[in-house]
C-alpha atoms as a PDB file:
ATOM      1  CA  MET A   1      66.355  29.568 -37.337  1.00  0.00           C
ATOM      2  CA  THR A   2      67.057  32.775 -35.487  1.00  0.00           C
ATOM      3  CA  PRO A   3      66.012  36.160 -36.933  1.00  0.00           C
ATOM      4  CA  THR A   4      69.653  37.236 -37.185  1.00  0.00           C
ATOM      5  CA  ARG A   5      70.520  34.173 -39.196  1.00  0.00           C
ATOM      6  CA  THR A   6      67.469  34.659 -41.459  1.00  0.00           C
ATOM      7  CA  TRP A   7      68.487  38.275 -42.135  1.00  0.00           C
ATOM      8  CA  THR A   8      72.072  37.238 -42.805  1.00  0.00           C
ATOM      9  CA  ILE A   9      70.950  34.645 -45.355  1.00  0.00           C
ATOM     10  CA  ALA A  10      68.533  37.127 -46.979  1.00  0.00           C
ATOM     11  CA  ILE A  11      71.151  39.879 -47.234  1.00  0.00           C
ATOM     12  CA  GLY A  12      73.748  37.412 -48.563  1.00  0.00           C
ATOM     13  CA  THR A  13      71.298  36.167 -51.192  1.00  0.00           C
ATOM     14  CA  VAL A  14      70.423  39.709 -52.323  1.00  0.00           C
ATOM     15  CA  MET A  15      74.098  40.689 -52.470  1.00  0.00           C
ATOM     16  CA  GLY A  16      74.876  37.555 -54.475  1.00  0.00           C
ATOM     17  CA  LEU A  17      72.120  38.389 -56.964  1.00  0.00           C
ATOM     18  CA  VAL A  18      73.316  41.996 -57.297  1.00  0.00           C
ATOM     19  CA  PHE A  19      76.906  40.830 -57.813  1.00  0.00           C
ATOM     20  CA  GLY A  20      75.761  38.221 -60.377  1.00  0.00           C
ATOM     21  CA  VAL A  21      73.747  40.751 -62.370  1.00  0.00           C
ATOM     22  CA  ALA A  22      76.639  43.250 -62.293  1.00  0.00           C
ATOM     23  CA  LEU A  23      79.030  40.549 -63.507  1.00  0.00           C
ATOM     24  CA  VAL A  24      76.721  39.550 -66.379  1.00  0.00           C
ATOM     25  CA  VAL A  25      76.315  43.209 -67.422  1.00  0.00           C
ATOM     26  CA  LYS A  26      80.103  43.657 -67.374  1.00  0.00           C
ATOM     27  CA  ILE A  27      81.020  40.566 -69.415  1.00  0.00           C
ATOM     28  CA  TRP A  28      77.995  40.423 -71.777  1.00  0.00           C
ATOM     29  CA  PRO A  29      79.690  42.502 -74.520  1.00  0.00           C
ATOM     30  CA  GLN A  30      82.588  40.052 -74.511  1.00  0.00           C
ATOM     31  CA  LEU A  31      80.208  37.140 -75.034  1.00  0.00           C
ATOM     32  CA  ASP A  32      78.509  38.819 -78.025  1.00  0.00           C
ATOM     33  CA  LEU A  33      81.455  38.488 -80.392  1.00  0.00           C
ATOM     34  CA  VAL A  34      81.592  40.173 -83.785  1.00  0.00           C
ATOM     35  CA  ALA A  35      82.462  37.330 -86.123  1.00  0.00           C
ATOM     36  CA  VAL A  36      81.540  35.688 -89.405  1.00  0.00           C
ATOM     37  CA  GLY A  37      77.804  35.031 -89.319  1.00  0.00           C
ATOM     38  CA  SER A  38      76.991  37.877 -86.945  1.00  0.00           C
ATOM     39  CA  ARG A  39      75.261  41.118 -87.834  1.00  0.00           C
ATOM     40  CA  ALA A  40      77.677  43.951 -88.572  1.00  0.00           C
ATOM     41  CA  PRO A  41      77.427  46.608 -85.861  1.00  0.00           C
ATOM     42  CA  GLU A  42      76.186  50.037 -86.873  1.00  0.00           C
ATOM     43  CA  PHE A  43      78.896  52.690 -86.746  1.00  0.00           C
ATOM     44  CA  ARG A  44      79.174  56.429 -87.324  1.00  0.00           C
ATOM     45  CA  ALA A  45      82.058  58.385 -88.824  1.00  0.00           C
ATOM     46  CA  VAL A  46      82.683  61.410 -91.029  1.00  0.00           C
ATOM     47  CA  ASN A  47      82.914  60.967 -94.790  1.00  0.00           C
ATOM     48  CA  LEU A  48      86.059  62.943 -95.636  1.00  0.00           C
ATOM     49  CA  ARG A  49      85.040  63.629 -99.232  1.00  0.00           C
ATOM     50  CA  THR A  50      81.721  65.224 -98.278  1.00  0.00           C
ATOM     51  CA  GLY A  51      82.436  66.312 -94.696  1.00  0.00           C
ATOM     52  CA  ARG A  52      79.094  64.812 -93.699  1.00  0.00           C
ATOM     53  CA  PRO A  53      78.285  62.128 -91.140  1.00  0.00           C
ATOM     54  CA  ALA A  54      78.204  58.602 -92.520  1.00  0.00           C
ATOM     55  CA  SER A  55      77.160  55.236 -91.155  1.00  0.00           C
ATOM     56  CA  LEU A  56      76.903  51.614 -92.196  1.00  0.00           C
ATOM     57  CA  ALA A  57      73.203  52.232 -92.893  1.00  0.00           C
ATOM     58  CA  ASP A  58      74.233  54.459 -95.820  1.00  0.00           C
ATOM     59  CA  TYR A  59      75.440  51.309 -97.592  1.00  0.00           C
ATOM     60  CA  ARG A  60      72.390  49.154 -96.858  1.00  0.00           C
ATOM     61  CA  GLY A  61      71.520  46.869 -99.766  1.00  0.00           C
ATOM     62  CA  LYS A  62      75.117  46.733-101.010  1.00  0.00           C
ATOM     63  CA  VAL A  63      77.933  44.277-100.490  1.00  0.00           C
ATOM     64  CA  VAL A  64      80.438  46.248 -98.431  1.00  0.00           C
ATOM     65  CA  LEU A  65      84.119  45.849 -97.647  1.00  0.00           C
ATOM     66  CA  VAL A  66      84.703  47.748 -94.399  1.00  0.00           C
ATOM     67  CA  ASN A  67      88.389  48.297 -93.714  1.00  0.00           C
ATOM     68  CA  ILE A  68      89.544  49.703 -90.355  1.00  0.00           C
ATOM     69  CA  TRP A  69      92.945  51.357 -90.693  1.00  0.00           C
ATOM     70  CA  ALA A  70      95.271  54.202 -89.676  1.00  0.00           C
ATOM     71  CA  THR A  71      97.778  56.419 -91.484  1.00  0.00           C
ATOM     72  CA  TRP A  72     100.665  55.285 -89.258  1.00  0.00           C
ATOM     73  CA  CYS A  73     100.033  51.623 -90.144  1.00  0.00           C
ATOM     74  CA  GLN A  74     102.517  50.344 -92.744  1.00  0.00           C
ATOM     75  CA  PRO A  75     100.484  47.191 -93.600  1.00  0.00           C
ATOM     76  CA  CYS A  76      97.487  49.492 -94.214  1.00  0.00           C
ATOM     77  CA  ARG A  77      99.541  51.459 -96.747  1.00  0.00           C
ATOM     78  CA  ILE A  78     100.510  48.215 -98.491  1.00  0.00           C
ATOM     79  CA  GLU A  79      96.903  46.934 -98.582  1.00  0.00           C
ATOM     80  CA  MET A  80      95.193  50.091 -99.889  1.00  0.00           C
ATOM     81  CA  PRO A  81      96.216  49.746-103.577  1.00  0.00           C
ATOM     82  CA  SER A  82      94.603  46.283-103.792  1.00  0.00           C
ATOM     83  CA  MET A  83      91.384  47.703-102.318  1.00  0.00           C
ATOM     84  CA  GLU A  84      91.509  50.500-104.916  1.00  0.00           C
ATOM     85  CA  ARG A  85      91.923  47.989-107.748  1.00  0.00           C
ATOM     86  CA  LEU A  86      88.978  45.940-106.422  1.00  0.00           C
ATOM     87  CA  HIS A  87      86.911  49.111-106.096  1.00  0.00           C
ATOM     88  CA  ARG A  88      87.658  50.105-109.710  1.00  0.00           C
ATOM     89  CA  LYS A  89      86.701  46.622-110.947  1.00  0.00           C
ATOM     90  CA  LEU A  90      83.480  46.167-108.970  1.00  0.00           C
ATOM     91  CA  ALA A  91      82.226  49.521-107.658  1.00  0.00           C
ATOM     92  CA  GLY A  92      78.692  50.500-108.498  1.00  0.00           C
ATOM     93  CA  ASN A  93      75.218  50.234-107.084  1.00  0.00           C
ATOM     94  CA  ASP A  94      75.893  46.811-105.584  1.00  0.00           C
ATOM     95  CA  PHE A  95      79.364  47.091-104.009  1.00  0.00           C
ATOM     96  CA  ALA A  96      81.280  49.621-101.930  1.00  0.00           C
ATOM     97  CA  VAL A  97      84.685  49.810-100.306  1.00  0.00           C
ATOM     98  CA  VAL A  98      84.562  51.823 -97.082  1.00  0.00           C
ATOM     99  CA  ALA A  99      87.860  52.577 -95.347  1.00  0.00           C
ATOM    100  CA  VAL A 100      87.381  53.873 -91.798  1.00  0.00           C
ATOM    101  CA  SER A 101      90.418  55.608 -90.337  1.00  0.00           C
ATOM    102  CA  VAL A 102      90.827  55.462 -86.574  1.00  0.00           C
ATOM    103  CA  ASP A 103      93.549  58.109 -86.562  1.00  0.00           C
ATOM    104  CA  GLU A 104      93.553  60.599 -83.706  1.00  0.00           C
ATOM    105  CA  ALA A 105      95.110  63.056 -86.180  1.00  0.00           C
ATOM    106  CA  ASP A 106      92.916  65.626 -87.872  1.00  0.00           C
ATOM    107  CA  SER A 107      90.869  64.776 -90.947  1.00  0.00           C
ATOM    108  CA  ALA A 108      93.163  66.748 -93.269  1.00  0.00           C
ATOM    109  CA  THR A 109      96.040  64.387 -92.437  1.00  0.00           C
ATOM    110  CA  VAL A 110      93.875  61.346 -93.150  1.00  0.00           C
ATOM    111  CA  MET A 111      92.556  62.771 -96.421  1.00  0.00           C
ATOM    112  CA  GLN A 112      96.066  63.697 -97.582  1.00  0.00           C
ATOM    113  CA  PHE A 113      97.160  60.099 -96.931  1.00  0.00           C
ATOM    114  CA  ALA A 114      94.248  58.846 -99.079  1.00  0.00           C
ATOM    115  CA  ARG A 115      95.075  61.340-101.850  1.00  0.00           C
ATOM    116  CA  ASP A 116      98.752  60.317-101.803  1.00  0.00           C
ATOM    117  CA  LEU A 117      97.714  56.707-102.375  1.00  0.00           C
ATOM    118  CA  GLY A 118      95.211  57.688-105.068  1.00  0.00           C
ATOM    119  CA  VAL A 119      92.200  55.987-103.485  1.00  0.00           C
ATOM    120  CA  SER A 120      88.775  56.841-104.896  1.00  0.00           C
ATOM    121  CA  PHE A 121      86.587  54.756-102.579  1.00  0.00           C
ATOM    122  CA  ASP A 122      84.877  56.221 -99.502  1.00  0.00           C
ATOM    123  CA  VAL A 123      87.269  57.259 -96.758  1.00  0.00           C
ATOM    124  CA  LEU A 124      85.645  57.817 -93.384  1.00  0.00           C
ATOM    125  CA  HIS A 125      87.221  59.137 -90.194  1.00  0.00           C
ATOM    126  CA  ASP A 126      86.322  57.932 -86.704  1.00  0.00           C
ATOM    127  CA  ARG A 127      88.695  60.066 -84.678  1.00  0.00           C
ATOM    128  CA  ALA A 128      87.423  58.651 -81.377  1.00  0.00           C
ATOM    129  CA  GLY A 129      88.005  55.096 -82.618  1.00  0.00           C
ATOM    130  CA  ALA A 130      84.560  53.870 -81.531  1.00  0.00           C
ATOM    131  CA  ILE A 131      84.428  51.448 -84.465  1.00  0.00           C
ATOM    132  CA  ARG A 132      87.358  49.542 -82.942  1.00  0.00           C
ATOM    133  CA  ARG A 133      85.284  48.792 -79.837  1.00  0.00           C
ATOM    134  CA  LEU A 134      82.122  48.052 -81.835  1.00  0.00           C
ATOM    135  CA  TYR A 135      83.901  45.642 -84.173  1.00  0.00           C
ATOM    136  CA  GLN A 136      86.159  44.297 -81.395  1.00  0.00           C
ATOM    137  CA  THR A 137      89.319  44.769 -83.434  1.00  0.00           C
ATOM    138  CA  THR A 138      92.716  43.799 -82.137  1.00  0.00           C
ATOM    139  CA  GLY A 139      94.675  46.201 -84.334  1.00  0.00           C
ATOM    140  CA  VAL A 140      94.825  47.651 -87.819  1.00  0.00           C
ATOM    141  CA  PRO A 141      94.171  46.786 -90.511  1.00  0.00           C
ATOM    142  CA  GLU A 142      91.119  44.634 -89.969  1.00  0.00           C
ATOM    143  CA  SER A 143      88.516  44.134 -92.651  1.00  0.00           C
ATOM    144  CA  PHE A 144      84.974  42.823 -92.842  1.00  0.00           C
ATOM    145  CA  VAL A 145      83.052  41.726 -95.927  1.00  0.00           C
ATOM    146  CA  ILE A 146      79.381  42.366 -95.237  1.00  0.00           C
ATOM    147  CA  GLU A 147      76.616  40.993 -97.429  1.00  0.00           C
ATOM    148  CA  ARG A 148      73.534  42.993 -98.440  1.00  0.00           C
ATOM    149  CA  ASP A 149      71.492  42.022 -95.391  1.00  0.00           C
ATOM    150  CA  GLY A 150      74.190  43.219 -92.965  1.00  0.00           C
ATOM    151  CA  VAL A 151      75.727  39.862 -92.036  1.00  0.00           C
ATOM    152  CA  ILE A 152      79.507  39.512 -91.882  1.00  0.00           C
ATOM    153  CA  VAL A 153      80.694  36.813 -94.297  1.00  0.00           C
ATOM    154  CA  LYS A 154      84.453  37.307 -93.975  1.00  0.00           C
ATOM    155  CA  LYS A 155      86.783  38.839 -91.406  1.00  0.00           C
ATOM    156  CA  VAL A 156      90.467  39.438 -92.093  1.00  0.00           C
ATOM    157  CA  ILE A 157      92.970  40.463 -89.442  1.00  0.00           C
ATOM    158  CA  GLY A 158      95.967  42.088 -91.087  1.00  0.00           C
ATOM    159  CA  PRO A 159      96.534  43.102 -94.702  1.00  0.00           C
ATOM    160  CA  ALA A 160      94.987  41.213 -97.603  1.00  0.00           C
ATOM    161  CA  GLU A 161      95.284  41.182-101.366  1.00  0.00           C
ATOM    162  CA  TRP A 162      91.703  42.305-101.963  1.00  0.00           C
ATOM    163  CA  ASP A 163      91.814  42.114-105.746  1.00  0.00           C
ATOM    164  CA  GLY A 164      93.239  38.585-105.613  1.00  0.00           C
ATOM    165  CA  PRO A 165      91.141  35.779-107.085  1.00  0.00           C
ATOM    166  CA  VAL A 166      89.761  34.399-103.802  1.00  0.00           C
ATOM    167  CA  ASN A 167      88.468  37.729-102.532  1.00  0.00           C
ATOM    168  CA  GLU A 168      87.212  38.902-105.919  1.00  0.00           C
ATOM    169  CA  VAL A 169      85.292  35.666-106.525  1.00  0.00           C
ATOM    170  CA  LEU A 170      83.711  35.858-103.068  1.00  0.00           C
ATOM    171  CA  ILE A 171      82.572  39.443-103.595  1.00  0.00           C
ATOM    172  CA  ARG A 172      81.315  38.744-107.127  1.00  0.00           C
ATOM    173  CA  LYS A 173      79.256  35.815-105.790  1.00  0.00           C
ATOM    174  CA  LEU A 174      77.762  38.050-103.094  1.00  0.00           C
ATOM    175  CA  ILE A 175      76.941  40.739-105.668  1.00  0.00           C
ATOM    176  CA  ASP A 176      75.357  38.180-108.008  1.00  0.00           C
ATOM    177  CA  ALA A 177      73.338  36.538-105.206  1.00  0.00           C
ATOM    178  CA  ARG A 178      70.547  39.097-105.626  1.00  0.00           C
END
């Protein structure tokens, strides 16, 4: 084999490896899907009641219903009262409802929306919408029931009747599984 041919093969091999690594780095997040059975990704947002930063870690040890929503979303408006009823039935040391708004609007607009609906559970605001990327959502609302150890046990795309028998029984079982 001639030196030119050897160099051509070597350079082609190196370029192929570089391209392969770059491709794996680019598509890896798409292969690591957030789904039932996977660990819930850590997120950060602002708690609108306290004005302080909040994260999923703040709810560690609890069963958590994380709801990703926006004020302009009509199905979100329809779903919120059922989450409030569930919160009033089950809230305590072992269960929390956490609604994370992905509105680009200011926090006052989001908090006014929550007040208008009379919600008393935690309302967080992720103005940048990073939680949408972390949780790989396709729209709003999307909800995740997360057990105490941080594993997602249910994912719902679209609105749900959270205080309905199926969802309430599931959450009660998770709370009682201590």
